[in-house]
C-alpha cells in the first residue's frame, strides 16, 4: 500500500517535470541562485577558522568562543 503510494507520487512528479515549459527555466534560475548563495558566498564571506588546526586546537578555539559569547 505505502509502496504503491510512493510510486504514484513519483510518477506524478516525473510526469509534471516532463510537461514543464517555463518551469524548467525557473528551476534553472533557482538552482543557480542556490549555488551562488551556498558555494560562492561561503568561499568569500565565511572563511574556515578551523582549517589546518589539530583536534585539540579546534576544541580550545570553540571553547574560548563559546565562553566569550556567554560573557557578553
N, C-alpha and C. Protein backbone atom coordinates (compact mmCIF):
# COMPACT_ATOMS: atom_id res chain seq x y z
N UNK A 1 0.82 -1.19 0.00
CA UNK A 1 0.00 0.00 0.00
C UNK A 1 0.86 1.25 0.00
N UNK A 2 1.81 1.34 0.94
CA UNK A 2 2.68 2.51 1.03
C UNK A 2 3.60 2.57 -0.18
N UNK A 3 4.12 1.43 -0.59
CA UNK A 3 5.00 1.39 -1.76
C UNK A 3 4.26 1.86 -3.00
N UNK A 4 3.02 1.46 -3.15
CA UNK A 4 2.21 1.85 -4.31
C UNK A 4 1.96 3.36 -4.31
N UNK A 5 1.73 3.92 -3.12
CA UNK A 5 1.50 5.35 -3.00
C UNK A 5 2.77 6.13 -3.36
N UNK A 6 3.90 5.66 -2.90
CA UNK A 6 5.17 6.32 -3.20
C UNK A 6 5.44 6.28 -4.70
N UNK A 7 5.16 5.16 -5.32
CA UNK A 7 5.36 5.04 -6.77
C UNK A 7 4.43 6.00 -7.52
N UNK A 8 3.20 6.12 -7.08
CA UNK A 8 2.25 7.04 -7.72
C UNK A 8 2.71 8.49 -7.58
N UNK A 9 3.22 8.85 -6.40
CA UNK A 9 3.73 10.20 -6.18
C UNK A 9 4.93 10.47 -7.08
N UNK A 10 5.82 9.49 -7.18
CA UNK A 10 7.00 9.63 -8.04
C UNK A 10 6.57 9.85 -9.50
N UNK A 11 5.63 9.06 -9.98
CA UNK A 11 5.16 9.20 -11.36
C UNK A 11 4.49 10.56 -11.57
N UNK A 12 3.75 11.03 -10.58
CA UNK A 12 3.10 12.33 -10.67
C UNK A 12 4.14 13.44 -10.88
N UNK A 13 5.19 13.44 -10.06
CA UNK A 13 6.22 14.47 -10.19
C UNK A 13 7.03 14.29 -11.47
N UNK A 14 7.35 13.06 -11.82
CA UNK A 14 8.11 12.80 -13.04
C UNK A 14 7.35 13.32 -14.26
N UNK A 15 6.08 13.01 -14.37
CA UNK A 15 5.28 13.48 -15.50
C UNK A 15 5.13 15.00 -15.47
N UNK A 16 5.01 15.57 -14.30
CA UNK A 16 4.90 17.03 -14.19
C UNK A 16 6.14 17.74 -14.67
N UNK A 17 7.31 17.22 -14.31
CA UNK A 17 8.56 17.84 -14.76
C UNK A 17 8.77 17.65 -16.26
N UNK A 18 8.28 16.57 -16.81
CA UNK A 18 8.41 16.35 -18.25
C UNK A 18 7.59 17.35 -19.05
N UNK A 19 6.42 17.71 -18.52
CA UNK A 19 5.50 18.60 -19.24
C UNK A 19 5.79 20.08 -19.04
N UNK A 20 6.74 20.41 -18.20
CA UNK A 20 7.03 21.82 -17.92
C UNK A 20 7.63 22.51 -19.14
N UNK A 21 7.30 23.77 -19.32
CA UNK A 21 7.94 24.57 -20.36
C UNK A 21 8.71 25.71 -19.70
N UNK A 22 8.02 26.67 -19.13
CA UNK A 22 8.70 27.78 -18.46
C UNK A 22 9.23 27.36 -17.09
N UNK A 23 8.68 26.30 -16.54
CA UNK A 23 9.11 25.82 -15.24
C UNK A 23 10.56 25.37 -15.23
N UNK A 24 11.03 24.83 -16.34
CA UNK A 24 12.44 24.41 -16.40
C UNK A 24 13.37 25.60 -16.27
N UNK A 25 13.01 26.69 -16.91
CA UNK A 25 13.82 27.90 -16.80
C UNK A 25 13.81 28.41 -15.37
N UNK A 26 12.66 28.39 -14.74
CA UNK A 26 12.58 28.85 -13.36
C UNK A 26 13.39 27.95 -12.42
N UNK A 27 13.34 26.65 -12.63
CA UNK A 27 14.14 25.74 -11.81
C UNK A 27 15.63 25.97 -12.04
N UNK A 28 16.02 26.26 -13.27
CA UNK A 28 17.43 26.55 -13.55
C UNK A 28 17.87 27.81 -12.80
N UNK A 29 17.02 28.83 -12.80
CA UNK A 29 17.35 30.06 -12.07
C UNK A 29 17.46 29.78 -10.57
N UNK A 30 16.53 29.00 -10.04
CA UNK A 30 16.57 28.66 -8.61
C UNK A 30 17.84 27.91 -8.27
N UNK A 31 18.23 26.95 -9.08
CA UNK A 31 19.45 26.18 -8.80
C UNK A 31 20.70 27.04 -8.90
N UNK A 32 20.74 27.96 -9.85
CA UNK A 32 21.89 28.86 -9.97
C UNK A 32 21.97 29.76 -8.74
N UNK A 33 20.84 30.29 -8.30
CA UNK A 33 20.84 31.14 -7.11
C UNK A 33 21.28 30.37 -5.87
N UNK A 34 20.83 29.14 -5.72
CA UNK A 34 21.26 28.33 -4.58
C UNK A 34 22.75 28.06 -4.63
N UNK A 35 23.27 27.79 -5.82
CA UNK A 35 24.71 27.57 -5.97
C UNK A 35 25.48 28.81 -5.54
N UNK A 36 25.04 29.97 -6.00
CA UNK A 36 25.72 31.22 -5.63
C UNK A 36 25.63 31.45 -4.13
N UNK A 37 24.46 31.24 -3.56
CA UNK A 37 24.29 31.51 -2.13
C UNK A 37 25.14 30.59 -1.26
N UNK A 38 25.15 29.31 -1.57
CA UNK A 38 25.81 28.36 -0.68
C UNK A 38 27.27 28.09 -1.02
N UNK A 39 27.68 28.30 -2.24
CA UNK A 39 29.05 27.97 -2.60
C UNK A 39 29.91 29.22 -2.73
N UNK A 40 29.50 30.14 -3.56
CA UNK A 40 30.30 31.34 -3.81
C UNK A 40 30.38 32.21 -2.56
N UNK A 41 29.25 32.48 -1.92
CA UNK A 41 29.27 33.32 -0.73
C UNK A 41 30.05 32.68 0.41
N UNK A 42 29.99 31.37 0.52
CA UNK A 42 30.75 30.70 1.58
C UNK A 42 32.24 30.88 1.38
N UNK A 43 32.69 30.83 0.14
CA UNK A 43 34.11 30.99 -0.13
C UNK A 43 34.63 32.37 0.28
N UNK A 44 33.84 33.40 0.03
CA UNK A 44 34.33 34.76 0.25
C UNK A 44 33.97 35.35 1.60
N UNK A 45 32.82 35.01 2.15
CA UNK A 45 32.36 35.67 3.37
C UNK A 45 32.42 34.81 4.62
N UNK A 46 32.58 33.52 4.48
CA UNK A 46 32.60 32.63 5.64
C UNK A 46 33.84 31.75 5.60
N UNK A 47 35.00 32.32 5.90
CA UNK A 47 36.22 31.50 5.87
C UNK A 47 36.23 30.47 6.99
N UNK A 48 36.96 29.41 6.77
CA UNK A 48 37.06 28.35 7.76
C UNK A 48 38.16 28.70 8.76
N UNK A 49 37.76 29.02 9.98
CA UNK A 49 38.73 29.38 11.00
C UNK A 49 39.46 28.16 11.55
N UNK A 50 38.88 27.00 11.35
CA UNK A 50 39.44 25.80 11.96
C UNK A 50 40.30 24.96 11.02
N UNK A 51 40.41 25.36 9.77
CA UNK A 51 41.20 24.55 8.84
C UNK A 51 42.68 24.64 9.19
N UNK A 52 43.34 23.52 9.12
CA UNK A 52 44.77 23.47 9.40
C UNK A 52 45.10 23.38 10.88
N UNK A 53 44.12 23.22 11.73
CA UNK A 53 44.38 23.11 13.16
C UNK A 53 44.17 21.68 13.61
N UNK A 54 44.86 21.31 14.68
CA UNK A 54 44.70 19.97 15.23
C UNK A 54 43.38 19.89 16.00
N UNK A 55 43.02 18.69 16.41
CA UNK A 55 41.77 18.49 17.15
C UNK A 55 41.77 19.28 18.46
N UNK A 56 42.90 19.27 19.14
CA UNK A 56 42.97 19.98 20.41
C UNK A 56 42.86 21.49 20.21
N UNK A 57 43.48 22.01 19.17
CA UNK A 57 43.38 23.44 18.89
C UNK A 57 41.95 23.83 18.51
N UNK A 58 41.28 22.95 17.78
CA UNK A 58 39.88 23.21 17.41
C UNK A 58 39.01 23.25 18.66
N UNK A 59 39.22 22.30 19.57
CA UNK A 59 38.44 22.27 20.80
C UNK A 59 38.68 23.51 21.64
N UNK A 60 39.93 23.94 21.74
CA UNK A 60 40.25 25.14 22.50
C UNK A 60 39.60 26.37 21.88
N UNK A 61 39.67 26.49 20.57
CA UNK A 61 39.09 27.65 19.88
C UNK A 61 37.59 27.73 20.10
N UNK A 62 36.91 26.60 19.93
CA UNK A 62 35.45 26.59 20.11
C UNK A 62 35.09 26.88 21.57
N UNK A 63 35.83 26.31 22.49
CA UNK A 63 35.56 26.57 23.91
C UNK A 63 35.73 28.03 24.27
N UNK A 64 36.79 28.67 23.78
CA UNK A 64 37.01 30.09 24.06
C UNK A 64 35.92 30.94 23.44
N UNK A 65 35.53 30.63 22.20
CA UNK A 65 34.46 31.40 21.54
C UNK A 65 33.13 31.27 22.29
N UNK A 66 32.81 30.09 22.74
CA UNK A 66 31.55 29.89 23.46
C UNK A 66 31.54 30.63 24.80
N UNK A 67 32.64 30.55 25.53
CA UNK A 67 32.68 31.22 26.83
C UNK A 67 32.71 32.73 26.66
N UNK A 68 33.39 33.24 25.63
CA UNK A 68 33.41 34.69 25.40
C UNK A 68 32.02 35.20 25.03
N UNK A 69 31.29 34.45 24.24
CA UNK A 69 29.95 34.89 23.83
C UNK A 69 28.96 34.80 24.97
N UNK A 70 29.16 33.85 25.87
CA UNK A 70 28.27 33.75 27.02
C UNK A 70 28.50 34.92 27.99
N UNK A 71 29.74 35.44 28.04
CA UNK A 71 30.07 36.52 28.95
C UNK A 71 29.51 37.85 28.46
N UNK A 72 29.21 37.97 27.19
CA UNK A 72 28.71 39.24 26.63
C UNK A 72 27.29 39.52 26.99
